[in-house]
PDB file of N, CA and C in Angstrom:
ATOM      1  N   MET A   1      -3.166  16.199   0.922  1.00  0.00           N
ATOM      2  CA  MET A   1      -2.941  14.922   1.570  1.00  0.00           C
ATOM      3  C   MET A   1      -3.985  14.719   2.419  1.00  0.00           C
ATOM      4  N   ASP A   2      -4.531  13.358   2.665  1.00  0.00           N
ATOM      5  CA  ASP A   2      -5.539  13.153   3.515  1.00  0.00           C
ATOM      6  C   ASP A   2      -4.700  13.103   4.934  1.00  0.00           C
ATOM      7  N   ASN A   3      -5.368  14.006   5.996  1.00  0.00           N
ATOM      8  CA  ASN A   3      -4.673  14.301   7.184  1.00  0.00           C
ATOM      9  C   ASN A   3      -5.570  13.598   8.357  1.00  0.00           C
ATOM     10  N   ALA A   4      -6.400  13.031   8.163  1.00  0.00           N
ATOM     11  CA  ALA A   4      -7.459  12.980   8.912  1.00  0.00           C
ATOM     12  C   ALA A   4      -7.096  11.995  10.135  1.00  0.00           C
ATOM     13  N   ASN A   5      -6.334  11.045  10.040  1.00  0.00           N
ATOM     14  CA  ASN A   5      -5.692   9.983  10.792  1.00  0.00           C
ATOM     15  C   ASN A   5      -4.435  10.238  11.112  1.00  0.00           C
ATOM     16  N   CYS A   6      -3.909  11.352  11.171  1.00  0.00           N
ATOM     17  CA  CYS A   6      -2.204  11.268  11.439  1.00  0.00           C
ATOM     18  C   CYS A   6      -2.308  12.122  12.797  1.00  0.00           C
ATOM     19  N   VAL A   7      -1.353  11.537  13.404  1.00  0.00           N
ATOM     20  CA  VAL A   7      -0.633  12.406  14.939  1.00  0.00           C
ATOM     21  C   VAL A   7       0.935  12.933  14.739  1.00  0.00           C
ATOM     22  N   ASN A   8       1.023  13.704  15.483  1.00  0.00           N
ATOM     23  CA  ASN A   8       2.431  13.977  15.719  1.00  0.00           C
ATOM     24  C   ASN A   8       3.042  14.436  14.089  1.00  0.00           C
ATOM     25  N   LYS A   9       2.173  14.934  13.167  1.00  0.00           N
ATOM     26  CA  LYS A   9       2.799  15.213  11.851  1.00  0.00           C
ATOM     27  C   LYS A   9       3.859  16.564  11.256  1.00  0.00           C
ATOM     28  N   GLU A  10       4.684  16.589  11.117  1.00  0.00           N
ATOM     29  CA  GLU A  10       5.469  18.031  11.174  1.00  0.00           C
ATOM     30  C   GLU A  10       4.875  18.992  10.053  1.00  0.00           C
ATOM     31  N   THR A  11       4.887  20.307  10.979  1.00  0.00           N
ATOM     32  CA  THR A  11       4.157  20.888  10.086  1.00  0.00           C
ATOM     33  C   THR A  11       5.081  21.976   9.752  1.00  0.00           C
ATOM     34  N   ASP A  12       6.171  22.147   9.793  1.00  0.00           N
ATOM     35  CA  ASP A  12       7.248  22.745   9.343  1.00  0.00           C
ATOM     36  C   ASP A  12       7.330  22.934   7.997  1.00  0.00           C
ATOM     37  N   GLY A  13       6.506  22.648   6.945  1.00  0.00           N
ATOM     38  CA  GLY A  13       7.087  22.591   5.686  1.00  0.00           C
ATOM     39  C   GLY A  13       7.556  23.888   4.807  1.00  0.00           C
ATOM     40  N   ASP A  14       7.672  24.660   5.511  1.00  0.00           N
ATOM     41  CA  ASP A  14       8.407  25.829   4.960  1.00  0.00           C
ATOM     42  C   ASP A  14       9.894  25.381   4.275  1.00  0.00           C
ATOM     43  N   LYS A  15      10.408  24.419   5.096  1.00  0.00           N
ATOM     44  CA  LYS A  15      11.772  24.176   4.856  1.00  0.00           C
ATOM     45  C   LYS A  15      11.724  22.988   3.800  1.00  0.00           C
ATOM     46  N   LEU A  16      10.954  22.731   3.126  1.00  0.00           N
ATOM     47  CA  LEU A  16      11.042  21.512   2.034  1.00  0.00           C
ATOM     48  C   LEU A  16      10.954  22.158   0.468  1.00  0.00           C
ATOM     49  N   SER A  17      11.389  22.084  -0.170  1.00  0.00           N
ATOM     50  CA  SER A  17      11.320  21.720  -1.409  1.00  0.00           C
ATOM     51  C   SER A  17      10.556  21.047  -2.090  1.00  0.00           C
ATOM     52  N   LYS A  18       9.438  21.565  -2.945  1.00  0.00           N
ATOM     53  CA  LYS A  18       8.480  20.794  -3.632  1.00  0.00           C
ATOM     54  C   LYS A  18       8.488  20.619  -5.324  1.00  0.00           C
ATOM     55  N   MET A  19       8.217  19.277  -5.736  1.00  0.00           N
ATOM     56  CA  MET A  19       8.094  19.127  -6.946  1.00  0.00           C
ATOM     57  C   MET A  19       7.022  18.656  -7.725  1.00  0.00           C
ATOM     58  N   THR A  20       6.226  18.753  -8.613  1.00  0.00           N
ATOM     59  CA  THR A  20       5.029  18.331  -9.120  1.00  0.00           C
ATOM     60  C   THR A  20       5.389  17.966 -10.605  1.00  0.00           C
ATOM     61  N   ILE A  21       4.881  16.573 -10.581  1.00  0.00           N
ATOM     62  CA  ILE A  21       5.210  15.963 -12.008  1.00  0.00           C
ATOM     63  C   ILE A  21       3.777  15.459 -12.291  1.00  0.00           C
ATOM     64  N   ARG A  22       3.384  15.804 -13.540  1.00  0.00           N
ATOM     65  CA  ARG A  22       2.099  15.159 -14.292  1.00  0.00           C
ATOM     66  C   ARG A  22       2.697  13.967 -15.063  1.00  0.00           C
ATOM     67  N   HIS A  23       2.282  12.878 -15.299  1.00  0.00           N
ATOM     68  CA  HIS A  23       2.613  11.735 -15.516  1.00  0.00           C
ATOM     69  C   HIS A  23       1.622  10.709 -15.939  1.00  0.00           C
ATOM     70  N   PHE A  24       1.935   9.885 -17.284  1.00  0.00           N
ATOM     71  CA  PHE A  24       0.975   8.916 -17.617  1.00  0.00           C
ATOM     72  C   PHE A  24       1.255   7.693 -16.394  1.00  0.00           C
ATOM     73  N   ASP A  25       0.002   6.868 -16.326  1.00  0.00           N
ATOM     74  CA  ASP A  25       0.081   6.030 -15.142  1.00  0.00           C
ATOM     75  C   ASP A  25       0.519   4.595 -15.489  1.00  0.00           C
ATOM     76  N   ARG A  26       2.039   4.697 -15.601  1.00  0.00           N
ATOM     77  CA  ARG A  26       2.623   3.359 -16.078  1.00  0.00           C
ATOM     78  C   ARG A  26       3.759   3.063 -14.929  1.00  0.00           C
ATOM     79  N   VAL A  27       4.112   1.738 -14.974  1.00  0.00           N
ATOM     80  CA  VAL A  27       5.035   1.238 -14.284  1.00  0.00           C
ATOM     81  C   VAL A  27       6.330   1.748 -14.562  1.00  0.00           C
ATOM     82  N   GLY A  28       6.951   2.306 -13.413  1.00  0.00           N
ATOM     83  CA  GLY A  28       8.349   2.479 -13.290  1.00  0.00           C
ATOM     84  C   GLY A  28       8.753   4.122 -13.301  1.00  0.00           C
ATOM     85  N   VAL A  29       7.735   4.923 -13.506  1.00  0.00           N
ATOM     86  CA  VAL A  29       7.576   6.168 -13.593  1.00  0.00           C
ATOM     87  C   VAL A  29       8.206   7.029 -12.293  1.00  0.00           C
ATOM     88  N   LEU A  30       7.653   6.468 -11.194  1.00  0.00           N
ATOM     89  CA  LEU A  30       8.000   6.881 -10.159  1.00  0.00           C
ATOM     90  C   LEU A  30       9.329   6.273  -9.514  1.00  0.00           C
ATOM     91  N   ALA A  31       9.799   5.404  -9.608  1.00  0.00           N
ATOM     92  CA  ALA A  31      10.578   4.695 -10.015  1.00  0.00           C
ATOM     93  C   ALA A  31      12.318   5.129 -10.184  1.00  0.00           C
ATOM     94  N   HIS A  32      11.562   5.743 -11.573  1.00  0.00           N
ATOM     95  CA  HIS A  32      12.750   6.265 -12.376  1.00  0.00           C
ATOM     96  C   HIS A  32      13.092   7.946 -11.894  1.00  0.00           C
ATOM     97  N   VAL A  33      11.900   8.529 -11.289  1.00  0.00           N
ATOM     98  CA  VAL A  33      11.884  10.115 -10.408  1.00  0.00           C
ATOM     99  C   VAL A  33      12.718   9.384  -9.158  1.00  0.00           C
ATOM    100  N   PHE A  34      12.534   8.194  -8.670  1.00  0.00           N
ATOM    101  CA  PHE A  34      13.342   8.042  -6.904  1.00  0.00           C
ATOM    102  C   PHE A  34      14.996   8.049  -7.425  1.00  0.00           C
ATOM    103  N   ALA A  35      15.432   7.210  -8.790  1.00  0.00           N
ATOM    104  CA  ALA A  35      16.464   7.245  -8.627  1.00  0.00           C
ATOM    105  C   ALA A  35      17.184   8.825  -9.059  1.00  0.00           C
ATOM    106  N   VAL A  36      16.648   9.563  -9.501  1.00  0.00           N
ATOM    107  CA  VAL A  36      17.036  10.826  -9.943  1.00  0.00           C
ATOM    108  C   VAL A  36      17.348  11.351  -8.642  1.00  0.00           C
ATOM    109  N   PHE A  37      15.905  11.102  -7.673  1.00  0.00           N
ATOM    110  CA  PHE A  37      16.280  11.874  -6.562  1.00  0.00           C
ATOM    111  C   PHE A  37      17.491  11.203  -5.504  1.00  0.00           C
ATOM    112  N   ALA A  38      17.880   9.895  -5.647  1.00  0.00           N
ATOM    113  CA  ALA A  38      18.809   8.867  -4.861  1.00  0.00           C
ATOM    114  C   ALA A  38      19.950   9.569  -5.186  1.00  0.00           C
ATOM    115  N   ARG A  39      20.474   9.962  -6.555  1.00  0.00           N
ATOM    116  CA  ARG A  39      21.466  10.095  -7.093  1.00  0.00           C
ATOM    117  C   ARG A  39      22.114  11.795  -6.882  1.00  0.00           C
ATOM    118  N   LEU A  40      21.341  12.495  -6.258  1.00  0.00           N
ATOM    119  CA  LEU A  40      21.333  13.971  -6.049  1.00  0.00           C
ATOM    120  C   LEU A  40      21.260  14.065  -4.229  1.00  0.00           C
ATOM    121  N   ASN A  41      20.896  13.106  -3.584  1.00  0.00           N
ATOM    122  CA  ASN A  41      20.891  12.685  -2.444  1.00  0.00           C
ATOM    123  C   ASN A  41      19.473  13.915  -1.691  1.00  0.00           C
ATOM    124  N   TRP A  42      18.862  13.666  -2.736  1.00  0.00           N
ATOM    125  CA  TRP A  42      17.584  14.140  -2.261  1.00  0.00           C
ATOM    126  C   TRP A  42      16.831  13.274  -1.250  1.00  0.00           C
ATOM    127  N   ASN A  43      16.058  13.784  -0.443  1.00  0.00           N
ATOM    128  CA  ASN A  43      15.253  12.820   0.555  1.00  0.00           C
ATOM    129  C   ASN A  43      13.921  13.405   0.450  1.00  0.00           C
ATOM    130  N   VAL A  44      13.027  12.494   0.191  1.00  0.00           N
ATOM    131  CA  VAL A  44      11.663  12.852   0.083  1.00  0.00           C
ATOM    132  C   VAL A  44      10.792  12.705   1.272  1.00  0.00           C
ATOM    133  N   GLN A  45       9.847  13.889   1.747  1.00  0.00           N
ATOM    134  CA  GLN A  45       9.573  13.970   2.978  1.00  0.00           C
ATOM    135  C   GLN A  45       8.025  13.615   3.075  1.00  0.00           C
ATOM    136  N   GLU A  46       7.409  13.999   1.698  1.00  0.00           N
ATOM    137  CA  GLU A  46       5.874  13.796   1.802  1.00  0.00           C
ATOM    138  C   GLU A  46       5.982  13.268   0.041  1.00  0.00           C
ATOM    139  N   LEU A  47       5.041  12.703  -0.073  1.00  0.00           N
ATOM    140  CA  LEU A  47       4.650  12.285  -1.296  1.00  0.00           C
ATOM    141  C   LEU A  47       2.919  12.155  -1.461  1.00  0.00           C
ATOM    142  N   GLU A  48       2.592  12.685  -2.731  1.00  0.00           N
ATOM    143  CA  GLU A  48       0.884  12.508  -2.877  1.00  0.00           C
ATOM    144  C   GLU A  48       0.657  12.422  -4.195  1.00  0.00           C
ATOM    145  N   ASN A  49       0.742  10.820  -4.804  1.00  0.00           N
ATOM    146  CA  ASN A  49       0.346  10.675  -6.425  1.00  0.00           C
ATOM    147  C   ASN A  49      -0.947  10.545  -6.063  1.00  0.00           C
ATOM    148  N   ILE A  50      -1.656  11.548  -7.061  1.00  0.00           N
ATOM    149  CA  ILE A  50      -3.174  11.460  -7.350  1.00  0.00           C
ATOM    150  C   ILE A  50      -3.239  11.030  -8.721  1.00  0.00           C
ATOM    151  N   VAL A  51      -4.243   9.698  -9.147  1.00  0.00           N
ATOM    152  CA  VAL A  51      -4.449   9.147 -10.105  1.00  0.00           C
ATOM    153  C   VAL A  51      -5.860   9.681 -10.663  1.00  0.00           C
ATOM    154  N   PHE A  52      -6.071  10.157 -11.964  1.00  0.00           N
ATOM    155  CA  PHE A  52      -6.997  10.466 -12.918  1.00  0.00           C
ATOM    156  C   PHE A  52      -8.089   9.856 -12.766  1.00  0.00           C
ATOM    157  N   LYS A  53      -9.389  10.189 -13.171  1.00  0.00           N
ATOM    158  CA  LYS A  53     -10.303   9.257 -13.587  1.00  0.00           C
ATOM    159  C   LYS A  53     -10.152   8.321 -14.807  1.00  0.00           C
ATOM    160  N   GLY A  54     -10.289   7.556 -15.147  1.00  0.00           N
ATOM    161  CA  GLY A  54      -9.869   6.640 -16.241  1.00  0.00           C
ATOM    162  C   GLY A  54      -8.288   6.316 -16.193  1.00  0.00           C
ATOM    163  N   ARG A  55      -7.672   6.266 -15.146  1.00  0.00           N
ATOM    164  CA  ARG A  55      -6.355   5.499 -14.728  1.00  0.00           C
ATOM    165  C   ARG A  55      -5.395   6.048 -15.937  1.00  0.00           C
ATOM    166  N   GLU A  56      -5.342   7.196 -16.713  1.00  0.00           N
ATOM    167  CA  GLU A  56      -4.641   6.983 -17.405  1.00  0.00           C
ATOM    168  C   GLU A  56      -3.435   8.416 -17.003  1.00  0.00           C
ATOM    169  N   ALA A  57      -3.538   9.197 -16.313  1.00  0.00           N
ATOM    170  CA  ALA A  57      -3.011  10.447 -15.885  1.00  0.00           C
ATOM    171  C   ALA A  57      -2.755  10.431 -14.711  1.00  0.00           C
ATOM    172  N   CYS A  58      -1.421  10.979 -14.007  1.00  0.00           N
ATOM    173  CA  CYS A  58      -1.642  10.837 -12.731  1.00  0.00           C
ATOM    174  C   CYS A  58      -1.017  12.418 -12.420  1.00  0.00           C
ATOM    175  N   VAL A  59      -0.909  13.014 -11.378  1.00  0.00           N
ATOM    176  CA  VAL A  59       0.094  14.175 -10.749  1.00  0.00           C
ATOM    177  C   VAL A  59       0.579  13.831  -9.463  1.00  0.00           C
ATOM    178  N   VAL A  60       1.731  14.058  -9.227  1.00  0.00           N
ATOM    179  CA  VAL A  60       2.711  13.646  -7.985  1.00  0.00           C
ATOM    180  C   VAL A  60       3.385  15.005  -7.645  1.00  0.00           C
ATOM    181  N   ASN A  61       3.228  15.069  -6.353  1.00  0.00           N
ATOM    182  CA  ASN A  61       3.577  16.315  -5.516  1.00  0.00           C
ATOM    183  C   ASN A  61       4.313  15.734  -4.685  1.00  0.00           C
ATOM    184  N   ILE A  62       5.969  16.004  -4.753  1.00  0.00           N
ATOM    185  CA  ILE A  62       6.819  15.560  -3.946  1.00  0.00           C
ATOM    186  C   ILE A  62       7.958  16.586  -2.954  1.00  0.00           C
ATOM    187  N   LYS A  63       7.487  16.445  -1.737  1.00  0.00           N
ATOM    188  CA  LYS A  63       8.059  17.517  -0.823  1.00  0.00           C
ATOM    189  C   LYS A  63       9.556  16.842  -0.510  1.00  0.00           C
ATOM    190  N   PHE A  64      10.985  17.464  -0.522  1.00  0.00           N
ATOM    191  CA  PHE A  64      12.121  17.002  -0.301  1.00  0.00           C
ATOM    192  C   PHE A  64      12.825  18.153   0.088  1.00  0.00           C
ATOM    193  N   THR A  65      14.139  17.487   0.776  1.00  0.00           N
ATOM    194  CA  THR A  65      15.107  17.976   1.286  1.00  0.00           C
ATOM    195  C   THR A  65      16.374  17.578   0.100  1.00  0.00           C
ATOM    196  N   GLY A  66      16.999  18.630   0.431  1.00  0.00           N
ATOM    197  CA  GLY A  66      18.413  18.258  -0.399  1.00  0.00           C
ATOM    198  C   GLY A  66      18.794  19.318  -1.091  1.00  0.00           C
ATOM    199  N   ASP A  67      20.039  19.724  -1.481  1.00  0.00           N
ATOM    200  CA  ASP A  67      20.568  20.994  -2.531  1.00  0.00           C
ATOM    201  C   ASP A  67      20.181  21.052  -3.508  1.00  0.00           C
ATOM    202  N   LEU A  68      19.765  22.340  -3.924  1.00  0.00           N
ATOM    203  CA  LEU A  68      19.162  22.525  -5.442  1.00  0.00           C
ATOM    204  C   LEU A  68      19.714  22.870  -6.311  1.00  0.00           C
ATOM    205  N   ALA A  69      21.003  22.667  -6.024  1.00  0.00           N
ATOM    206  CA  ALA A  69      22.236  23.236  -7.019  1.00  0.00           C
ATOM    207  C   ALA A  69      21.945  22.807  -8.544  1.00  0.00           C
ATOM    208  N   HIS A  70      21.417  21.459  -8.713  1.00  0.00           N
ATOM    209  CA  HIS A  70      21.601  20.465  -9.676  1.00  0.00           C
ATOM    210  C   HIS A  70      19.996  20.254 -10.370  1.00  0.00           C
ATOM    211  N   ILE A  71      19.408  21.276  -9.847  1.00  0.00           N
ATOM    212  CA  ILE A  71      17.671  21.040  -9.773  1.00  0.00           C
ATOM    213  C   ILE A  71      17.315  21.094 -11.457  1.00  0.00           C
ATOM    214  N   GLU A  72      18.057  21.996 -12.433  1.00  0.00           N
ATOM    215  CA  GLU A  72      18.021  21.491 -13.605  1.00  0.00           C
ATOM    216  C   GLU A  72      18.314  20.445 -14.709  1.00  0.00           C
ATOM    217  N   GLU A  73      19.265  19.873 -13.954  1.00  0.00           N
ATOM    218  CA  GLU A  73      19.766  18.601 -14.235  1.00  0.00           C
ATOM    219  C   GLU A  73      18.729  17.414 -13.564  1.00  0.00           C
ATOM    220  N   ALA A  74      18.276  17.635 -12.752  1.00  0.00           N
ATOM    221  CA  ALA A  74      17.263  16.862 -12.403  1.00  0.00           C
ATOM    222  C   ALA A  74      16.010  16.955 -13.187  1.00  0.00           C
ATOM    223  N   ILE A  75      15.545  18.044 -13.539  1.00  0.00           N
ATOM    224  CA  ILE A  75      14.438  18.195 -14.329  1.00  0.00           C
ATOM    225  C   ILE A  75      14.436  17.467 -15.730  1.00  0.00           C
ATOM    226  N   ALA A  76      15.814  17.434 -16.416  1.00  0.00           N
ATOM    227  CA  ALA A  76      15.917  17.306 -17.433  1.00  0.00           C
ATOM    228  C   ALA A  76      16.168  15.992 -17.303  1.00  0.00           C
ATOM    229  N   GLU A  77      16.793  15.301 -16.248  1.00  0.00           N
ATOM    230  CA  GLU A  77      17.008  13.602 -16.341  1.00  0.00           C
ATOM    231  C   GLU A  77      15.427  13.107 -16.142  1.00  0.00           C
ATOM    232  N   ILE A  78      14.595  13.657 -15.225  1.00  0.00           N
ATOM    233  CA  ILE A  78      13.494  13.044 -14.969  1.00  0.00           C
ATOM    234  C   ILE A  78      12.665  13.310 -16.364  1.00  0.00           C
ATOM    235  N   LYS A  79      12.866  14.224 -17.068  1.00  0.00           N
ATOM    236  CA  LYS A  79      12.084  14.061 -18.308  1.00  0.00           C
ATOM    237  C   LYS A  79      12.310  13.314 -19.517  1.00  0.00           C
ATOM    238  N   LYS A  80      13.223  12.689 -19.551  1.00  0.00           N
ATOM    239  CA  LYS A  80      13.806  11.482 -20.168  1.00  0.00           C
ATOM    240  C   LYS A  80      12.821  10.608 -20.251  1.00  0.00           C
ATOM    241  N   ASN A  81      12.087  10.146 -19.544  1.00  0.00           N
ATOM    242  CA  ASN A  81      11.298   9.147 -19.245  1.00  0.00           C
ATOM    243  C   ASN A  81       9.982   9.762 -19.941  1.00  0.00           C
ATOM    244  N   GLU A  82       9.855   8.775 -21.138  1.00  0.00           N
ATOM    245  CA  GLU A  82       9.073   8.852 -22.052  1.00  0.00           C
ATOM    246  C   GLU A  82       7.376   9.420 -21.334  1.00  0.00           C
ATOM    247  N   ASN A  83       7.227   8.795 -20.101  1.00  0.00           N
ATOM    248  CA  ASN A  83       6.019   9.173 -19.345  1.00  0.00           C
ATOM    249  C   ASN A  83       5.772  10.510 -18.531  1.00  0.00           C
ATOM    250  N   VAL A  84       6.683  11.228 -18.431  1.00  0.00           N
ATOM    251  CA  VAL A  84       6.529  12.228 -17.856  1.00  0.00           C
ATOM    252  C   VAL A  84       6.009  13.471 -18.780  1.00  0.00           C
ATOM    253  N   VAL A  85       4.969  14.126 -18.572  1.00  0.00           N
ATOM    254  CA  VAL A  85       4.279  14.892 -18.977  1.00  0.00           C
ATOM    255  C   VAL A  85       4.872  16.365 -18.965  1.00  0.00           C
ATOM    256  N   ASP A  86       5.259  16.811 -17.643  1.00  0.00           N
ATOM    257  CA  ASP A  86       5.444  18.315 -17.194  1.00  0.00           C
ATOM    258  C   ASP A  86       6.080  18.154 -16.163  1.00  0.00           C
ATOM    259  N   ILE A  87       6.565  19.132 -15.592  1.00  0.00           N
ATOM    260  CA  ILE A  87       7.255  19.176 -14.134  1.00  0.00           C
ATOM    261  C   ILE A  87       6.908  20.765 -13.819  1.00  0.00           C
ATOM    262  N   ALA A  88       6.957  21.105 -12.424  1.00  0.00           N
ATOM    263  CA  ALA A  88       7.057  22.274 -12.011  1.00  0.00           C
ATOM    264  C   ALA A  88       7.380  22.195 -10.565  1.00  0.00           C
ATOM    265  N   VAL A  89       8.209  23.421 -10.403  1.00  0.00           N
ATOM    266  CA  VAL A  89       9.289  23.524  -9.493  1.00  0.00           C
ATOM    267  C   VAL A  89       8.714  24.457  -8.417  1.00  0.00           C
TER     268      VAL A  89
END
């Protein structure tokens, strides 16, 4: 993430969980991901969505807080979106 213009940025990222999602650059993909996060009461703390050359594919890195008891359920639900290619936790 570009932090050149940040002040007072939280640096204690060790307490955050991270999910990386490779996806096609289509409308609604991140909205779908956020809906799953909201249902599980996960709070997004940091987000970086990188769009690759040609604007066909992206990778989003999401750092968040919340109970990971339902992580497998979340991954399965997010993967239901046909524009999601892969997920790493």
